[in-house]
C-alpha atoms as a PDB file:
ATOM      1  CA  MET A   1     -24.024  -0.970  35.938  1.00  0.00           C
ATOM      2  CA  ASP A   2     -25.259  -2.019  39.161  1.00  0.00           C
ATOM      3  CA  ARG A   3     -21.925  -1.320  40.632  1.00  0.00           C
ATOM      4  CA  ILE A   4     -22.155   2.136  39.916  1.00  0.00           C
ATOM      5  CA  GLY A   5     -25.982   2.754  41.535  1.00  0.00           C
ATOM      6  CA  ASN A   6     -28.907   4.671  39.733  1.00  0.00           C
ATOM      7  CA  GLY A   7     -27.070   8.274  39.815  1.00  0.00           C
ATOM      8  CA  GLY A   8     -23.748   6.979  38.844  1.00  0.00           C
ATOM      9  CA  HIS A   9     -25.528   5.023  35.182  1.00  0.00           C
ATOM     10  CA  ALA A  10     -27.759   8.329  34.714  1.00  0.00           C
ATOM     11  CA  ALA A  11     -24.428  10.638  34.666  1.00  0.00           C
ATOM     12  CA  LEU A  12     -23.352   7.700  32.117  1.00  0.00           C
ATOM     13  CA  VAL A  13     -25.540   8.187  29.861  1.00  0.00           C
ATOM     14  CA  GLN A  14     -25.666  11.646  29.992  1.00  0.00           C
ATOM     15  CA  LEU A  15     -22.108  11.783  29.680  1.00  0.00           C
ATOM     16  CA  GLN A  16     -21.986   9.728  26.772  1.00  0.00           C
ATOM     17  CA  ALA A  17     -24.937  11.479  25.214  1.00  0.00           C
ATOM     18  CA  TYR A  18     -22.796  14.778  25.503  1.00  0.00           C
ATOM     19  CA  LEU A  19     -19.479  13.309  24.369  1.00  0.00           C
ATOM     20  CA  ALA A  20     -20.857  12.762  21.254  1.00  0.00           C
ATOM     21  CA  GLN A  21     -22.642  15.929  20.703  1.00  0.00           C
ATOM     22  CA  ILE A  22     -20.079  18.385  21.760  1.00  0.00           C
ATOM     23  CA  ASP A  23     -16.775  19.927  19.627  1.00  0.00           C
ATOM     24  CA  LEU A  24     -13.978  18.651  21.445  1.00  0.00           C
ATOM     25  CA  PRO A  25     -10.507  20.855  21.119  1.00  0.00           C
ATOM     26  CA  SER A  26      -7.847  19.063  18.979  1.00  0.00           C
ATOM     27  CA  ASP A  27      -5.966  17.307  21.808  1.00  0.00           C
ATOM     28  CA  GLY A  28      -9.641  15.714  23.187  1.00  0.00           C
ATOM     29  CA  ARG A  29      -9.324  17.488  26.402  1.00  0.00           C
ATOM     30  CA  LEU A  30     -12.751  17.290  28.273  1.00  0.00           C
ATOM     31  CA  PRO A  31     -13.981  20.376  30.823  1.00  0.00           C
ATOM     32  CA  PRO A  32     -12.728  20.315  34.121  1.00  0.00           C
ATOM     33  CA  GLU A  33     -15.284  18.033  36.432  1.00  0.00           C
ATOM     34  CA  ARG A  34     -16.997  20.899  38.415  1.00  0.00           C
ATOM     35  CA  GLU A  35     -18.194  22.490  34.620  1.00  0.00           C
ATOM     36  CA  LEU A  36     -19.352  18.790  33.415  1.00  0.00           C
ATOM     37  CA  CYS A  37     -21.169  18.700  36.788  1.00  0.00           C
ATOM     38  CA  ASP A  38     -22.916  21.889  36.054  1.00  0.00           C
ATOM     39  CA  THR A  39     -23.643  21.307  32.370  1.00  0.00           C
ATOM     40  CA  LEU A  40     -24.751  17.714  33.260  1.00  0.00           C
ATOM     41  CA  GLY A  41     -26.825  18.714  36.578  1.00  0.00           C
ATOM     42  CA  VAL A  42     -24.820  15.717  38.266  1.00  0.00           C
ATOM     43  CA  SER A  43     -23.098  15.182  41.552  1.00  0.00           C
ATOM     44  CA  ARG A  44     -19.430  15.129  41.611  1.00  0.00           C
ATOM     45  CA  GLY A  45     -19.467  11.322  42.825  1.00  0.00           C
ATOM     46  CA  ASP A  46     -22.061  10.393  40.285  1.00  0.00           C
ATOM     47  CA  LEU A  47     -19.506  12.247  37.591  1.00  0.00           C
ATOM     48  CA  ARG A  48     -16.711  10.052  38.736  1.00  0.00           C
ATOM     49  CA  LYS A  49     -18.361   6.818  38.858  1.00  0.00           C
ATOM     50  CA  ALA A  50     -19.412   7.716  35.116  1.00  0.00           C
ATOM     51  CA  LEU A  51     -15.666   8.720  34.092  1.00  0.00           C
ATOM     52  CA  ASP A  52     -14.423   5.376  35.817  1.00  0.00           C
ATOM     53  CA  VAL A  53     -16.574   3.434  33.681  1.00  0.00           C
ATOM     54  CA  LEU A  54     -15.189   5.066  30.390  1.00  0.00           C
ATOM     55  CA  GLU A  55     -11.798   5.155  31.496  1.00  0.00           C
ATOM     56  CA  ARG A  56     -11.941   1.392  32.482  1.00  0.00           C
ATOM     57  CA  ASP A  57     -13.483   0.778  28.745  1.00  0.00           C
ATOM     58  CA  GLY A  58     -11.144   2.865  27.165  1.00  0.00           C
ATOM     59  CA  HIS A  59     -13.078   5.650  25.661  1.00  0.00           C
ATOM     60  CA  ILE A  60     -10.881   8.379  28.225  1.00  0.00           C
ATOM     61  CA  TRP A  61      -7.682   8.601  29.865  1.00  0.00           C
ATOM     62  CA  ARG A  62      -6.676  11.015  32.683  1.00  0.00           C
ATOM     63  CA  HIS A  63      -3.226  12.538  33.382  1.00  0.00           C
ATOM     64  CA  VAL A  64      -2.450  13.969  36.669  1.00  0.00           C
ATOM     65  CA  GLY A  65      -2.158  17.484  36.526  1.00  0.00           C
ATOM     66  CA  LYS A  66      -2.991  18.064  32.867  1.00  0.00           C
ATOM     67  CA  GLY A  67      -7.163  16.592  32.914  1.00  0.00           C
ATOM     68  CA  THR A  68      -8.982  14.254  31.206  1.00  0.00           C
ATOM     69  CA  PHE A  69      -8.882  13.202  27.313  1.00  0.00           C
ATOM     70  CA  VAL A  70     -11.086  11.523  24.818  1.00  0.00           C
ATOM     71  CA  GLY A  71      -9.325   8.474  23.274  1.00  0.00           C
ATOM     72  CA  SER A  72      -6.708   5.678  24.587  1.00  0.00           C
ATOM     73  CA  GLY A  73      -3.595   8.206  25.017  1.00  0.00           C
ATOM     74  CA  PRO A  74      -1.381   6.143  27.410  1.00  0.00           C
ATOM     75  CA  ILE A  75      -1.080   3.317  24.562  1.00  0.00           C
ATOM     76  CA  GLU A  76       0.023   5.649  22.163  1.00  0.00           C
ATOM     77  CA  GLU A  77       3.148   6.700  23.909  1.00  0.00           C
ATOM     78  CA  ALA A  78       3.482   2.924  25.108  1.00  0.00           C
ATOM     79  CA  ILE A  79       3.509   1.345  21.558  1.00  0.00           C
ATOM     80  CA  GLY A  80       5.052   4.602  19.626  1.00  0.00           C
ATOM     81  CA  ILE A  81       1.927   5.510  17.442  1.00  0.00           C
ATOM     82  CA  SER A  82       3.604   8.782  16.557  1.00  0.00           C
ATOM     83  CA  GLU A  83       6.559   6.739  14.870  1.00  0.00           C
ATOM     84  CA  ILE A  84       4.035   4.352  13.364  1.00  0.00           C
ATOM     85  CA  ALA A  85       2.106   7.243  12.073  1.00  0.00           C
ATOM     86  CA  GLY A  86       5.226   9.161  10.767  1.00  0.00           C
ATOM     87  CA  SER A  87       6.272   6.223   8.509  1.00  0.00           C
ATOM     88  CA  SER A  88       2.775   5.333   7.153  1.00  0.00           C
ATOM     89  CA  SER A  89       0.320   6.724   4.655  1.00  0.00           C
ATOM     90  CA  PRO A  90      -3.305   6.838   4.435  1.00  0.00           C
ATOM     91  CA  ALA A  91      -3.450   4.605   1.865  1.00  0.00           C
ATOM     92  CA  ASP A  92      -1.392   1.904   4.430  1.00  0.00           C
ATOM     93  CA  VAL A  93      -4.039   2.860   7.196  1.00  0.00           C
ATOM     94  CA  MET A  94      -7.115   1.880   4.840  1.00  0.00           C
ATOM     95  CA  ARG A  95      -5.715  -1.486   3.947  1.00  0.00           C
ATOM     96  CA  ALA A  96      -5.026  -2.291   7.487  1.00  0.00           C
ATOM     97  CA  ARG A  97      -8.745  -1.393   8.268  1.00  0.00           C
ATOM     98  CA  LEU A  98      -9.887  -3.617   5.651  1.00  0.00           C
ATOM     99  CA  ILE A  99      -7.894  -6.430   7.039  1.00  0.00           C
ATOM    100  CA  ILE A 100      -8.763  -6.039  10.510  1.00  0.00           C
ATOM    101  CA  GLU A 101     -12.343  -4.411  10.752  1.00  0.00           C
ATOM    102  CA  PRO A 102     -14.038  -6.844   8.605  1.00  0.00           C
ATOM    103  CA  GLU A 103     -13.227  -9.783  10.922  1.00  0.00           C
ATOM    104  CA  ILE A 104     -14.075  -7.843  14.014  1.00  0.00           C
ATOM    105  CA  SER A 105     -17.594  -7.008  12.581  1.00  0.00           C
ATOM    106  CA  ARG A 106     -17.553 -11.027  12.299  1.00  0.00           C
ATOM    107  CA  GLU A 107     -16.960 -11.950  15.929  1.00  0.00           C
ATOM    108  CA  ALA A 108     -18.973  -8.956  16.872  1.00  0.00           C
ATOM    109  CA  ALA A 109     -22.027 -10.557  15.346  1.00  0.00           C
ATOM    110  CA  LEU A 110     -21.183 -13.636  17.025  1.00  0.00           C
ATOM    111  CA  HIS A 111     -20.811 -12.632  20.460  1.00  0.00           C
ATOM    112  CA  ALA A 112     -22.958  -9.041  20.272  1.00  0.00           C
ATOM    113  CA  THR A 113     -25.040  -8.869  23.488  1.00  0.00           C
ATOM    114  CA  ALA A 114     -28.221  -7.122  23.467  1.00  0.00           C
ATOM    115  CA  ALA A 115     -26.721  -3.912  25.470  1.00  0.00           C
ATOM    116  CA  ASP A 116     -23.907  -3.907  22.704  1.00  0.00           C
ATOM    117  CA  ILE A 117     -26.697  -3.735  20.247  1.00  0.00           C
ATOM    118  CA  ALA A 118     -28.482  -0.893  21.897  1.00  0.00           C
ATOM    119  CA  ALA A 119     -25.372   0.818  22.456  1.00  0.00           C
ATOM    120  CA  MET A 120     -24.790   0.707  18.269  1.00  0.00           C
ATOM    121  CA  ARG A 121     -28.149   1.758  17.683  1.00  0.00           C
ATOM    122  CA  GLN A 122     -27.973   4.785  20.028  1.00  0.00           C
ATOM    123  CA  SER A 123     -24.579   5.743  18.135  1.00  0.00           C
ATOM    124  CA  LEU A 124     -26.215   5.177  14.835  1.00  0.00           C
ATOM    125  CA  ALA A 125     -28.814   7.887  16.169  1.00  0.00           C
ATOM    126  CA  GLN A 126     -26.120  10.375  17.198  1.00  0.00           C
ATOM    127  CA  THR A 127     -24.634  10.264  13.770  1.00  0.00           C
ATOM    128  CA  ARG A 128     -27.701  11.144  11.854  1.00  0.00           C
ATOM    129  CA  ASP A 129     -28.752  13.540  14.478  1.00  0.00           C
ATOM    130  CA  ALA A 130     -24.936  15.306  14.703  1.00  0.00           C
ATOM    131  CA  ALA A 131     -24.988  19.372  14.014  1.00  0.00           C
ATOM    132  CA  THR A 132     -21.807  19.311  13.354  1.00  0.00           C
ATOM    133  CA  TRP A 133     -19.005  17.321  11.318  1.00  0.00           C
ATOM    134  CA  ARG A 134     -17.083  16.978  14.639  1.00  0.00           C
ATOM    135  CA  GLN A 135     -20.349  15.600  16.448  1.00  0.00           C
ATOM    136  CA  TYR A 136     -20.367  12.875  13.460  1.00  0.00           C
ATOM    137  CA  GLU A 137     -17.008  12.027  13.804  1.00  0.00           C
ATOM    138  CA  ASN A 138     -17.154  11.346  17.202  1.00  0.00           C
ATOM    139  CA  ALA A 139     -19.962   9.325  17.184  1.00  0.00           C
ATOM    140  CA  ASP A 140     -18.707   7.703  14.144  1.00  0.00           C
ATOM    141  CA  ASN A 141     -15.778   6.857  16.265  1.00  0.00           C
ATOM    142  CA  LEU A 142     -17.719   5.546  19.027  1.00  0.00           C
ATOM    143  CA  LEU A 143     -19.771   3.278  16.732  1.00  0.00           C
ATOM    144  CA  HIS A 144     -16.860   1.726  15.591  1.00  0.00           C
ATOM    145  CA  ARG A 145     -15.109   1.320  19.329  1.00  0.00           C
ATOM    146  CA  GLN A 146     -18.648  -0.273  20.078  1.00  0.00           C
ATOM    147  CA  ILE A 147     -18.048  -2.792  17.322  1.00  0.00           C
ATOM    148  CA  ALA A 148     -14.799  -3.754  18.541  1.00  0.00           C
ATOM    149  CA  GLN A 149     -16.066  -4.005  21.789  1.00  0.00           C
ATOM    150  CA  ALA A 150     -18.636  -6.939  21.096  1.00  0.00           C
ATOM    151  CA  SER A 151     -16.198  -8.787  19.788  1.00  0.00           C
ATOM    152  CA  ARG A 152     -15.443  -9.890  23.443  1.00  0.00           C
ATOM    153  CA  ASN A 153     -11.684 -10.025  22.621  1.00  0.00           C
ATOM    154  CA  ASN A 154      -9.182  -7.990  24.334  1.00  0.00           C
ATOM    155  CA  VAL A 155      -6.532  -8.753  21.268  1.00  0.00           C
ATOM    156  CA  LEU A 156      -8.537  -7.365  18.824  1.00  0.00           C
ATOM    157  CA  LEU A 157      -9.778  -4.288  20.824  1.00  0.00           C
ATOM    158  CA  GLY A 158      -6.459  -3.766  21.712  1.00  0.00           C
ATOM    159  CA  LEU A 159      -5.217  -3.890  17.842  1.00  0.00           C
ATOM    160  CA  PHE A 160      -8.428  -1.493  16.834  1.00  0.00           C
ATOM    161  CA  ASP A 161      -7.225   1.122  19.791  1.00  0.00           C
ATOM    162  CA  VAL A 162      -3.723   1.181  17.944  1.00  0.00           C
ATOM    163  CA  LEU A 163      -4.977   1.420  14.314  1.00  0.00           C
ATOM    164  CA  ASN A 164      -7.533   4.078  15.382  1.00  0.00           C
ATOM    165  CA  ALA A 165      -5.141   6.089  17.178  1.00  0.00           C
ATOM    166  CA  VAL A 166      -2.584   5.831  14.159  1.00  0.00           C
ATOM    167  CA  ARG A 167      -5.538   6.894  12.136  1.00  0.00           C
ATOM    168  CA  ARG A 168      -6.126   9.756  14.103  1.00  0.00           C
ATOM    169  CA  THR A 169      -2.462  10.740  13.719  1.00  0.00           C
ATOM    170  CA  VAL A 170      -1.887  10.443  10.302  1.00  0.00           C
ATOM    171  CA  VAL A 171      -2.897  13.497   7.958  1.00  0.00           C
ATOM    172  CA  TRP A 172      -6.427  12.487   6.370  1.00  0.00           C
ATOM    173  CA  GLY A 173      -8.523  14.265   3.707  1.00  0.00           C
ATOM    174  CA  ARG A 174     -11.837  15.392   5.003  1.00  0.00           C
ATOM    175  CA  LEU A 175     -14.521  13.666   3.554  1.00  0.00           C
ATOM    176  CA  ARG A 176     -16.756  17.097   4.129  1.00  0.00           C
ATOM    177  CA  SER A 177     -18.772  18.888   2.128  1.00  0.00           C
ATOM    178  CA  ASP A 178     -19.153  22.444   2.306  1.00  0.00           C
ATOM    179  CA  SER A 179     -22.348  21.954   4.720  1.00  0.00           C
ATOM    180  CA  ALA A 180     -21.602  22.563   8.521  1.00  0.00           C
ATOM    181  CA  ARG A 181     -23.337  18.960   9.067  1.00  0.00           C
ATOM    182  CA  PRO A 182     -23.085  15.345   7.097  1.00  0.00           C
ATOM    183  CA  PRO A 183     -26.174  15.415   4.603  1.00  0.00           C
ATOM    184  CA  ALA A 184     -29.026  13.390   4.934  1.00  0.00           C
ATOM    185  CA  ASP A 185     -27.923  11.312   2.011  1.00  0.00           C
ATOM    186  CA  HIS A 186     -24.684  10.810   3.594  1.00  0.00           C
ATOM    187  CA  HIS A 187     -23.631   7.486   3.067  1.00  0.00           C
ATOM    188  CA  SER A 188     -22.283   6.281   5.962  1.00  0.00           C
ATOM    189  CA  PHE A 189     -25.517   6.422   7.168  1.00  0.00           C
ATOM    190  CA  ALA A 190     -26.461   3.148   5.236  1.00  0.00           C
ATOM    191  CA  ASP A 191     -23.756   1.702   5.607  1.00  0.00           C
ATOM    192  CA  HIS A 192     -23.570   1.777   9.404  1.00  0.00           C
ATOM    193  CA  GLU A 193     -27.156   0.471   9.496  1.00  0.00           C
ATOM    194  CA  ARG A 194     -26.188  -2.539   6.966  1.00  0.00           C
ATOM    195  CA  ILE A 195     -23.178  -3.507   9.511  1.00  0.00           C
ATOM    196  CA  VAL A 196     -25.206  -3.244  13.092  1.00  0.00           C
ATOM    197  CA  SER A 197     -28.567  -4.948  11.276  1.00  0.00           C
ATOM    198  CA  ALA A 198     -26.132  -7.672  10.072  1.00  0.00           C
ATOM    199  CA  ILE A 199     -24.559  -8.189  13.917  1.00  0.00           C
ATOM    200  CA  ALA A 200     -28.119  -8.180  15.105  1.00  0.00           C
ATOM    201  CA  ASP A 201     -29.423 -10.826  13.363  1.00  0.00           C
ATOM    202  CA  ARG A 202     -26.216 -13.246  13.462  1.00  0.00           C
ATOM    203  CA  ASP A 203     -24.823 -12.619   9.952  1.00  0.00           C
ATOM    204  CA  LEU A 204     -21.361 -13.194  10.429  1.00  0.00           C
ATOM    205  CA  GLY A 205     -20.676 -13.163   6.699  1.00  0.00           C
ATOM    206  CA  GLY A 206     -23.048 -10.223   6.112  1.00  0.00           C
ATOM    207  CA  ALA A 207     -21.407  -8.347   8.971  1.00  0.00           C
ATOM    208  CA  ALA A 208     -17.523  -8.527   7.737  1.00  0.00           C
ATOM    209  CA  ALA A 209     -18.920  -7.797   3.858  1.00  0.00           C
ATOM    210  CA  ALA A 210     -21.083  -4.667   4.856  1.00  0.00           C
ATOM    211  CA  MET A 211     -17.692  -3.419   7.150  1.00  0.00           C
ATOM    212  CA  ARG A 212     -15.635  -3.983   4.365  1.00  0.00           C
ATOM    213  CA  LEU A 213     -17.915  -2.382   1.669  1.00  0.00           C
ATOM    214  CA  HIS A 214     -17.904   0.246   3.922  1.00  0.00           C
ATOM    215  CA  LEU A 215     -14.628   1.070   4.819  1.00  0.00           C
ATOM    216  CA  GLN A 216     -14.169   0.503   0.746  1.00  0.00           C
ATOM    217  CA  GLN A 217     -16.400   3.689  -0.149  1.00  0.00           C
ATOM    218  CA  VAL A 218     -14.490   5.563   2.582  1.00  0.00           C
ATOM    219  CA  GLY A 219     -11.072   4.714   1.199  1.00  0.00           C
ATOM    220  CA  SER A 220     -12.355   5.429  -2.386  1.00  0.00           C
ATOM    221  CA  ARG A 221     -13.375   9.382  -1.201  1.00  0.00           C
ATOM    222  CA  LEU A 222     -10.971   9.879   1.285  1.00  0.00           C
ATOM    223  CA  ILE A 223      -7.540   8.646  -0.733  1.00  0.00           C
ATOM    224  CA  PRO A 224      -7.797  10.275  -3.922  1.00  0.00           C
ATOM    225  CA  LEU A 225      -8.045  13.410  -1.957  1.00  0.00           C
ATOM    226  CA  ASN A 226      -4.879  12.655  -0.423  1.00  0.00           C
ATOM    227  CA  GLU A 227      -2.832  12.188  -3.193  1.00  0.00           C
ATOM    228  CA  ALA A 228      -4.529  15.144  -5.270  1.00  0.00           C
ATOM    229  CA  ALA A 229      -2.857  17.710  -2.558  1.00  0.00           C
ATOM    230  CA  GLU A 230       0.796  15.414  -3.006  1.00  0.00           C
END
């Protein structure tokens, strides 16, 4: 953080909060830099420093002439995500997540720093405060990636990014009720709290078990919706 200065750090915090709350278009494209500066009340230089940090961490990617996008777009082209997704089902994705993400959580419990835990807890708060399902999904996605980053293993982080890109591409049934936002008793709130608490407590087995239980609950709610539509 010191490398981007106080102004860049402040812009980064505001930008992260903005990304967790905004309803982005389906392609994940961000507004132009000038509009972001006006919205966040930051200078162009500080905004670019914040964007550089998010791009380095894999949260956004840039395409000259097209704009800035949330996600890890270039990896999708390099690995052929659309081809993988085209021959995959939601059940395939859930099985892969159940193999990979609990072990990522175990590694996060071993290596997470205090800053990692603080960032996760901020994302937990953002999921609960989300005013729309899109805002919740943005914060939920950020939390899972923060856990992968906390593993301090770039191979695991890369695997997570590929799996997450496939997940976004496969047609999913929505875990949504008729409400405009997640209900106060949405199951993922408690699930996420257990995962982060286990990571903070250095409980390797507990973190893996909590993530596995969470994904099993997601899968049990999600896959029947897709099977019923077939």
